[in-house]
Amino acid sequence: MSKDKYNSEPIYFCEECFSPAIIWDKEEECDVCKDCGGINIVRGSLEVWEDKFTNQYGKLYLHIPNKEFRKMIEWV
């Protein structure tokens, strides 16, 4: 798969903290954000997600260490 085709695929992310770390909760039978525990999961393009994330945090997700991101979203 080419990089352009890969990047054109929609992704799932948390609408509350914008994390793309989404997992399936077997007990609740729904998608849950691994970082903040939110259940408001949306699907969108990579570009839309990157814009929302950058507007919220001022930098790209890939440039933030995981431990630092979890500290950034403690307010959620």
PDB file of N, CA and C in Angstrom:
ATOM      1  N   MET A   1       0.854  -1.172   0.000  1.00  0.00           N
ATOM      2  CA  MET A   1       0.000   0.000   0.000  1.00  0.00           C
ATOM      3  C   MET A   1       0.900   1.235   0.000  1.00  0.00           C
ATOM      4  N   SER A   2       0.589   2.185  -0.850  1.00  0.00           N
ATOM      5  CA  SER A   2       1.390   3.398  -0.941  1.00  0.00           C
ATOM      6  C   SER A   2       1.132   4.297   0.271  1.00  0.00           C
ATOM      7  N   LYS A   3       2.073   5.186   0.530  1.00  0.00           N
ATOM      8  CA  LYS A   3       1.945   6.115   1.654  1.00  0.00           C
ATOM      9  C   LYS A   3       0.710   7.001   1.494  1.00  0.00           C
ATOM     10  N   ASP A   4       0.440   7.481   0.273  1.00  0.00           N
ATOM     11  CA  ASP A   4      -0.729   8.323   0.038  1.00  0.00           C
ATOM     12  C   ASP A   4      -2.024   7.559   0.303  1.00  0.00           C
ATOM     13  N   LYS A   5      -2.085   6.322  -0.168  1.00  0.00           N
ATOM     14  CA  LYS A   5      -3.284   5.516   0.069  1.00  0.00           C
ATOM     15  C   LYS A   5      -3.452   5.230   1.555  1.00  0.00           C
ATOM     16  N   TYR A   6      -2.355   4.906   2.229  1.00  0.00           N
ATOM     17  CA  TYR A   6      -2.396   4.648   3.667  1.00  0.00           C
ATOM     18  C   TYR A   6      -2.897   5.882   4.415  1.00  0.00           C
ATOM     19  N   ASN A   7      -2.367   7.053   4.077  1.00  0.00           N
ATOM     20  CA  ASN A   7      -2.757   8.293   4.752  1.00  0.00           C
ATOM     21  C   ASN A   7      -4.172   8.742   4.402  1.00  0.00           C
ATOM     22  N   SER A   8      -4.745   8.211   3.334  1.00  0.00           N
ATOM     23  CA  SER A   8      -6.108   8.589   2.969  1.00  0.00           C
ATOM     24  C   SER A   8      -7.157   7.761   3.717  1.00  0.00           C
ATOM     25  N   GLU A   9      -6.719   6.693   4.379  1.00  0.00           N
ATOM     26  CA  GLU A   9      -7.643   5.867   5.151  1.00  0.00           C
ATOM     27  C   GLU A   9      -8.101   6.637   6.391  1.00  0.00           C
ATOM     28  N   PRO A  10      -9.403   6.606   6.703  1.00  0.00           N
ATOM     29  CA  PRO A  10      -9.876   7.286   7.921  1.00  0.00           C
ATOM     30  C   PRO A  10      -9.326   6.610   9.178  1.00  0.00           C
ATOM     31  N   ILE A  11      -9.198   7.389  10.244  1.00  0.00           N
ATOM     32  CA  ILE A  11      -8.735   6.850  11.513  1.00  0.00           C
ATOM     33  C   ILE A  11      -9.791   7.110  12.581  1.00  0.00           C
ATOM     34  N   TYR A  12      -9.712   6.370  13.663  1.00  0.00           N
ATOM     35  CA  TYR A  12     -10.583   6.585  14.817  1.00  0.00           C
ATOM     36  C   TYR A  12      -9.776   7.334  15.870  1.00  0.00           C
ATOM     37  N   PHE A  13     -10.411   8.310  16.516  1.00  0.00           N
ATOM     38  CA  PHE A  13      -9.744   9.039  17.585  1.00  0.00           C
ATOM     39  C   PHE A  13     -10.764   9.519  18.602  1.00  0.00           C
ATOM     40  N   CYS A  14     -10.279   9.837  19.777  1.00  0.00           N
ATOM     41  CA  CYS A  14     -11.139  10.294  20.864  1.00  0.00           C
ATOM     42  C   CYS A  14     -11.517  11.758  20.631  1.00  0.00           C
ATOM     43  N   GLU A  15     -12.779  12.059  20.671  1.00  0.00           N
ATOM     44  CA  GLU A  15     -13.252  13.422  20.469  1.00  0.00           C
ATOM     45  C   GLU A  15     -12.961  14.294  21.696  1.00  0.00           C
ATOM     46  N   GLU A  16     -12.672  13.683  22.837  1.00  0.00           N
ATOM     47  CA  GLU A  16     -12.418  14.442  24.061  1.00  0.00           C
ATOM     48  C   GLU A  16     -10.967  14.900  24.169  1.00  0.00           C
ATOM     49  N   CYS A  17     -10.011  13.998  23.932  1.00  0.00           N
ATOM     50  CA  CYS A  17      -8.594  14.366  24.054  1.00  0.00           C
ATOM     51  C   CYS A  17      -7.840  14.268  22.728  1.00  0.00           C
ATOM     52  N   PHE A  18      -8.501  13.784  21.684  1.00  0.00           N
ATOM     53  CA  PHE A  18      -7.952  13.627  20.333  1.00  0.00           C
ATOM     54  C   PHE A  18      -6.881  12.546  20.222  1.00  0.00           C
ATOM     55  N   SER A  19      -6.800  11.659  21.189  1.00  0.00           N
ATOM     56  CA  SER A  19      -5.844  10.554  21.120  1.00  0.00           C
ATOM     57  C   SER A  19      -6.317   9.519  20.103  1.00  0.00           C
ATOM     58  N   PRO A  20      -5.382   8.967  19.319  1.00  0.00           N
ATOM     59  CA  PRO A  20      -5.743   7.888  18.397  1.00  0.00           C
ATOM     60  C   PRO A  20      -5.626   6.503  19.049  1.00  0.00           C
ATOM     61  N   ALA A  21      -5.334   6.461  20.342  1.00  0.00           N
ATOM     62  CA  ALA A  21      -5.150   5.192  21.047  1.00  0.00           C
ATOM     63  C   ALA A  21      -6.513   4.656  21.485  1.00  0.00           C
ATOM     64  N   ILE A  22      -7.207   3.998  20.576  1.00  0.00           N
ATOM     65  CA  ILE A  22      -8.553   3.493  20.821  1.00  0.00           C
ATOM     66  C   ILE A  22      -8.494   1.975  20.989  1.00  0.00           C
ATOM     67  N   ILE A  23      -9.158   1.485  22.013  1.00  0.00           N
ATOM     68  CA  ILE A  23      -9.207   0.044  22.261  1.00  0.00           C
ATOM     69  C   ILE A  23     -10.660  -0.394  22.406  1.00  0.00           C
ATOM     70  N   TRP A  24     -10.904  -1.668  22.237  1.00  0.00           N
ATOM     71  CA  TRP A  24     -12.241  -2.240  22.407  1.00  0.00           C
ATOM     72  C   TRP A  24     -12.363  -2.744  23.840  1.00  0.00           C
ATOM     73  N   ASP A  25     -13.368  -2.250  24.564  1.00  0.00           N
ATOM     74  CA  ASP A  25     -13.636  -2.687  25.930  1.00  0.00           C
ATOM     75  C   ASP A  25     -14.643  -3.829  25.863  1.00  0.00           C
ATOM     76  N   LYS A  26     -14.193  -5.034  26.179  1.00  0.00           N
ATOM     77  CA  LYS A  26     -15.051  -6.217  26.078  1.00  0.00           C
ATOM     78  C   LYS A  26     -16.220  -6.161  27.047  1.00  0.00           C
ATOM     79  N   GLU A  27     -15.977  -5.653  28.253  1.00  0.00           N
ATOM     80  CA  GLU A  27     -17.038  -5.599  29.260  1.00  0.00           C
ATOM     81  C   GLU A  27     -18.142  -4.623  28.878  1.00  0.00           C
ATOM     82  N   GLU A  28     -17.753  -3.446  28.407  1.00  0.00           N
ATOM     83  CA  GLU A  28     -18.730  -2.424  28.026  1.00  0.00           C
ATOM     84  C   GLU A  28     -19.217  -2.595  26.590  1.00  0.00           C
ATOM     85  N   GLU A  29     -18.482  -3.400  25.820  1.00  0.00           N
ATOM     86  CA  GLU A  29     -18.783  -3.631  24.409  1.00  0.00           C
ATOM     87  C   GLU A  29     -18.838  -2.333  23.611  1.00  0.00           C
ATOM     88  N   CYS A  30     -17.780  -1.526  23.778  1.00  0.00           N
ATOM     89  CA  CYS A  30     -17.669  -0.286  23.007  1.00  0.00           C
ATOM     90  C   CYS A  30     -16.196   0.118  22.919  1.00  0.00           C
ATOM     91  N   ASP A  31     -15.905   1.018  21.989  1.00  0.00           N
ATOM     92  CA  ASP A  31     -14.562   1.564  21.867  1.00  0.00           C
ATOM     93  C   ASP A  31     -14.323   2.555  22.994  1.00  0.00           C
ATOM     94  N   VAL A  32     -13.086   2.558  23.513  1.00  0.00           N
ATOM     95  CA  VAL A  32     -12.710   3.430  24.617  1.00  0.00           C
ATOM     96  C   VAL A  32     -11.331   4.013  24.332  1.00  0.00           C
ATOM     97  N   CYS A  33     -11.127   5.262  24.727  1.00  0.00           N
ATOM     98  CA  CYS A  33      -9.815   5.888  24.593  1.00  0.00           C
ATOM     99  C   CYS A  33      -8.889   5.315  25.657  1.00  0.00           C
ATOM    100  N   LYS A  34      -7.763   4.810  25.218  1.00  0.00           N
ATOM    101  CA  LYS A  34      -6.790   4.221  26.138  1.00  0.00           C
ATOM    102  C   LYS A  34      -6.144   5.293  27.015  1.00  0.00           C
ATOM    103  N   ASP A  35      -6.082   6.526  26.535  1.00  0.00           N
ATOM    104  CA  ASP A  35      -5.401   7.580  27.278  1.00  0.00           C
ATOM    105  C   ASP A  35      -6.276   8.277  28.313  1.00  0.00           C
ATOM    106  N   CYS A  36      -7.523   8.614  27.962  1.00  0.00           N
ATOM    107  CA  CYS A  36      -8.365   9.372  28.904  1.00  0.00           C
ATOM    108  C   CYS A  36      -9.597   8.606  29.369  1.00  0.00           C
ATOM    109  N   GLY A  37      -9.888   7.468  28.735  1.00  0.00           N
ATOM    110  CA  GLY A  37     -11.058   6.686  29.125  1.00  0.00           C
ATOM    111  C   GLY A  37     -12.350   7.150  28.480  1.00  0.00           C
ATOM    112  N   GLY A  38     -12.275   8.122  27.593  1.00  0.00           N
ATOM    113  CA  GLY A  38     -13.464   8.641  26.920  1.00  0.00           C
ATOM    114  C   GLY A  38     -14.100   7.618  26.001  1.00  0.00           C
ATOM    115  N   ILE A  39     -15.404   7.761  25.794  1.00  0.00           N
ATOM    116  CA  ILE A  39     -16.113   6.836  24.905  1.00  0.00           C
ATOM    117  C   ILE A  39     -16.672   7.550  23.672  1.00  0.00           C
ATOM    118  N   ASN A  40     -16.410   8.835  23.534  1.00  0.00           N
ATOM    119  CA  ASN A  40     -16.861   9.581  22.368  1.00  0.00           C
ATOM    120  C   ASN A  40     -15.804   9.437  21.272  1.00  0.00           C
ATOM    121  N   ILE A  41     -15.866   8.338  20.550  1.00  0.00           N
ATOM    122  CA  ILE A  41     -14.884   8.005  19.521  1.00  0.00           C
ATOM    123  C   ILE A  41     -15.457   8.368  18.157  1.00  0.00           C
ATOM    124  N   VAL A  42     -14.667   9.082  17.358  1.00  0.00           N
ATOM    125  CA  VAL A  42     -15.112   9.510  16.035  1.00  0.00           C
ATOM    126  C   VAL A  42     -14.148   8.975  14.975  1.00  0.00           C
ATOM    127  N   ARG A  43     -14.613   9.004  13.748  1.00  0.00           N
ATOM    128  CA  ARG A  43     -13.815   8.560  12.611  1.00  0.00           C
ATOM    129  C   ARG A  43     -13.628   9.753  11.694  1.00  0.00           C
ATOM    130  N   GLY A  44     -12.403   9.967  11.255  1.00  0.00           N
ATOM    131  CA  GLY A  44     -12.135  11.088  10.363  1.00  0.00           C
ATOM    132  C   GLY A  44     -10.843  10.884   9.607  1.00  0.00           C
ATOM    133  N   SER A  45     -10.572  11.813   8.727  1.00  0.00           N
ATOM    134  CA  SER A  45      -9.342  11.718   7.942  1.00  0.00           C
ATOM    135  C   SER A  45      -8.144  12.073   8.817  1.00  0.00           C
ATOM    136  N   LEU A  46      -6.995  11.618   8.385  1.00  0.00           N
ATOM    137  CA  LEU A  46      -5.758  11.909   9.090  1.00  0.00           C
ATOM    138  C   LEU A  46      -5.547  13.415   9.184  1.00  0.00           C
ATOM    139  N   GLU A  47      -5.858  14.139   8.120  1.00  0.00           N
ATOM    140  CA  GLU A  47      -5.671  15.584   8.107  1.00  0.00           C
ATOM    141  C   GLU A  47      -6.577  16.286   9.118  1.00  0.00           C
ATOM    142  N   VAL A  48      -7.829  15.871   9.199  1.00  0.00           N
ATOM    143  CA  VAL A  48      -8.766  16.466  10.151  1.00  0.00           C
ATOM    144  C   VAL A  48      -8.281  16.213  11.572  1.00  0.00           C
ATOM    145  N   TRP A  49      -7.903  14.972  11.854  1.00  0.00           N
ATOM    146  CA  TRP A  49      -7.409  14.641  13.194  1.00  0.00           C
ATOM    147  C   TRP A  49      -6.165  15.448  13.540  1.00  0.00           C
ATOM    148  N   GLU A  50      -5.182  15.530  12.611  1.00  0.00           N
ATOM    149  CA  GLU A  50      -3.958  16.281  12.887  1.00  0.00           C
ATOM    150  C   GLU A  50      -4.263  17.747  13.153  1.00  0.00           C
ATOM    151  N   ASP A  51      -5.194  18.339  12.391  1.00  0.00           N
ATOM    152  CA  ASP A  51      -5.574  19.736  12.611  1.00  0.00           C
ATOM    153  C   ASP A  51      -6.189  19.932  13.988  1.00  0.00           C
ATOM    154  N   LYS A  52      -7.117  19.059  14.369  1.00  0.00           N
ATOM    155  CA  LYS A  52      -7.760  19.170  15.676  1.00  0.00           C
ATOM    156  C   LYS A  52      -6.743  18.992  16.799  1.00  0.00           C
ATOM    157  N   PHE A  53      -5.887  17.998  16.669  1.00  0.00           N
ATOM    158  CA  PHE A  53      -4.895  17.746  17.706  1.00  0.00           C
ATOM    159  C   PHE A  53      -3.927  18.916  17.836  1.00  0.00           C
ATOM    160  N   THR A  54      -3.421  19.402  16.717  1.00  0.00           N
ATOM    161  CA  THR A  54      -2.464  20.507  16.740  1.00  0.00           C
ATOM    162  C   THR A  54      -3.097  21.779  17.292  1.00  0.00           C
ATOM    163  N   ASN A  55      -4.351  22.033  16.945  1.00  0.00           N
ATOM    164  CA  ASN A  55      -5.034  23.208  17.492  1.00  0.00           C
ATOM    165  C   ASN A  55      -5.194  23.105  19.003  1.00  0.00           C
ATOM    166  N   GLN A  56      -5.435  21.909  19.502  1.00  0.00           N
ATOM    167  CA  GLN A  56      -5.631  21.704  20.941  1.00  0.00           C
ATOM    168  C   GLN A  56      -4.322  21.775  21.725  1.00  0.00           C
ATOM    169  N   TYR A  57      -3.264  21.130  21.219  1.00  0.00           N
ATOM    170  CA  TYR A  57      -2.028  20.967  21.985  1.00  0.00           C
ATOM    171  C   TYR A  57      -0.834  21.753  21.459  1.00  0.00           C
ATOM    172  N   GLY A  58      -0.939  22.319  20.282  1.00  0.00           N
ATOM    173  CA  GLY A  58       0.142  23.144  19.755  1.00  0.00           C
ATOM    174  C   GLY A  58       1.296  22.385  19.130  1.00  0.00           C
ATOM    175  N   LYS A  59       1.190  21.071  19.029  1.00  0.00           N
ATOM    176  CA  LYS A  59       2.220  20.276  18.365  1.00  0.00           C
ATOM    177  C   LYS A  59       1.620  18.976  17.864  1.00  0.00           C
ATOM    178  N   LEU A  60       2.366  18.304  16.999  1.00  0.00           N
ATOM    179  CA  LEU A  60       1.900  17.048  16.431  1.00  0.00           C
ATOM    180  C   LEU A  60       1.981  15.914  17.456  1.00  0.00           C
ATOM    181  N   TYR A  61       1.032  15.001  17.396  1.00  0.00           N
ATOM    182  CA  TYR A  61       0.979  13.854  18.307  1.00  0.00           C
ATOM    183  C   TYR A  61       2.274  13.060  18.283  1.00  0.00           C
ATOM    184  N   LEU A  62       2.821  12.849  17.104  1.00  0.00           N
ATOM    185  CA  LEU A  62       4.023  12.036  16.983  1.00  0.00           C
ATOM    186  C   LEU A  62       5.250  12.688  17.605  1.00  0.00           C
ATOM    187  N   HIS A  63       5.172  13.980  17.923  1.00  0.00           N
ATOM    188  CA  HIS A  63       6.297  14.688  18.530  1.00  0.00           C
ATOM    189  C   HIS A  63       6.184  14.769  20.050  1.00  0.00           C
ATOM    190  N   ILE A  64       5.187  14.114  20.623  1.00  0.00           N
ATOM    191  CA  ILE A  64       4.966  14.155  22.068  1.00  0.00           C
ATOM    192  C   ILE A  64       5.229  12.766  22.652  1.00  0.00           C
ATOM    193  N   PRO A  65       6.149  12.661  23.622  1.00  0.00           N
ATOM    194  CA  PRO A  65       6.347  11.355  24.272  1.00  0.00           C
ATOM    195  C   PRO A  65       5.063  10.915  24.969  1.00  0.00           C
ATOM    196  N   ASN A  66       4.787   9.618  24.985  1.00  0.00           N
ATOM    197  CA  ASN A  66       3.544   9.083  25.532  1.00  0.00           C
ATOM    198  C   ASN A  66       3.291   9.541  26.966  1.00  0.00           C
ATOM    199  N   LYS A  67       4.296   9.490  27.823  1.00  0.00           N
ATOM    200  CA  LYS A  67       4.112   9.904  29.210  1.00  0.00           C
ATOM    201  C   LYS A  67       3.740  11.371  29.300  1.00  0.00           C
ATOM    202  N   GLU A  68       4.333  12.207  28.462  1.00  0.00           N
ATOM    203  CA  GLU A  68       4.021  13.638  28.466  1.00  0.00           C
ATOM    204  C   GLU A  68       2.583  13.878  28.008  1.00  0.00           C
ATOM    205  N   PHE A  69       2.123  13.136  26.998  1.00  0.00           N
ATOM    206  CA  PHE A  69       0.751  13.316  26.514  1.00  0.00           C
ATOM    207  C   PHE A  69      -0.247  12.967  27.605  1.00  0.00           C
ATOM    208  N   ARG A  70      -0.015  11.898  28.327  1.00  0.00           N
ATOM    209  CA  ARG A  70      -0.941  11.517  29.399  1.00  0.00           C
ATOM    210  C   ARG A  70      -1.016  12.602  30.465  1.00  0.00           C
ATOM    211  N   LYS A  71       0.084  13.294  30.747  1.00  0.00           N
ATOM    212  CA  LYS A  71       0.061  14.399  31.702  1.00  0.00           C
ATOM    213  C   LYS A  71      -0.728  15.580  31.135  1.00  0.00           C
ATOM    214  N   MET A  72      -0.642  15.776  29.819  1.00  0.00           N
ATOM    215  CA  MET A  72      -1.336  16.885  29.174  1.00  0.00           C
ATOM    216  C   MET A  72      -2.864  16.717  29.249  1.00  0.00           C
ATOM    217  N   ILE A  73      -3.335  15.484  29.301  1.00  0.00           N
ATOM    218  CA  ILE A  73      -4.781  15.259  29.250  1.00  0.00           C
ATOM    219  C   ILE A  73      -5.385  14.924  30.611  1.00  0.00           C
ATOM    220  N   GLU A  74      -4.644  15.111  31.701  1.00  0.00           N
ATOM    221  CA  GLU A  74      -5.185  14.806  33.027  1.00  0.00           C
ATOM    222  C   GLU A  74      -6.460  15.586  33.325  1.00  0.00           C
ATOM    223  N   TRP A  75      -6.624  16.730  32.729  1.00  0.00           N
ATOM    224  CA  TRP A  75      -7.806  17.567  32.959  1.00  0.00           C
ATOM    225  C   TRP A  75      -9.052  16.980  32.347  1.00  0.00           C
ATOM    226  N   VAL A  76      -8.915  16.036  31.403  1.00  0.00           N
ATOM    227  CA  VAL A  76     -10.071  15.482  30.713  1.00  0.00           C
ATOM    228  C   VAL A  76     -10.838  14.559  31.643  1.00  0.00           C
TER     229      VAL A  76
END
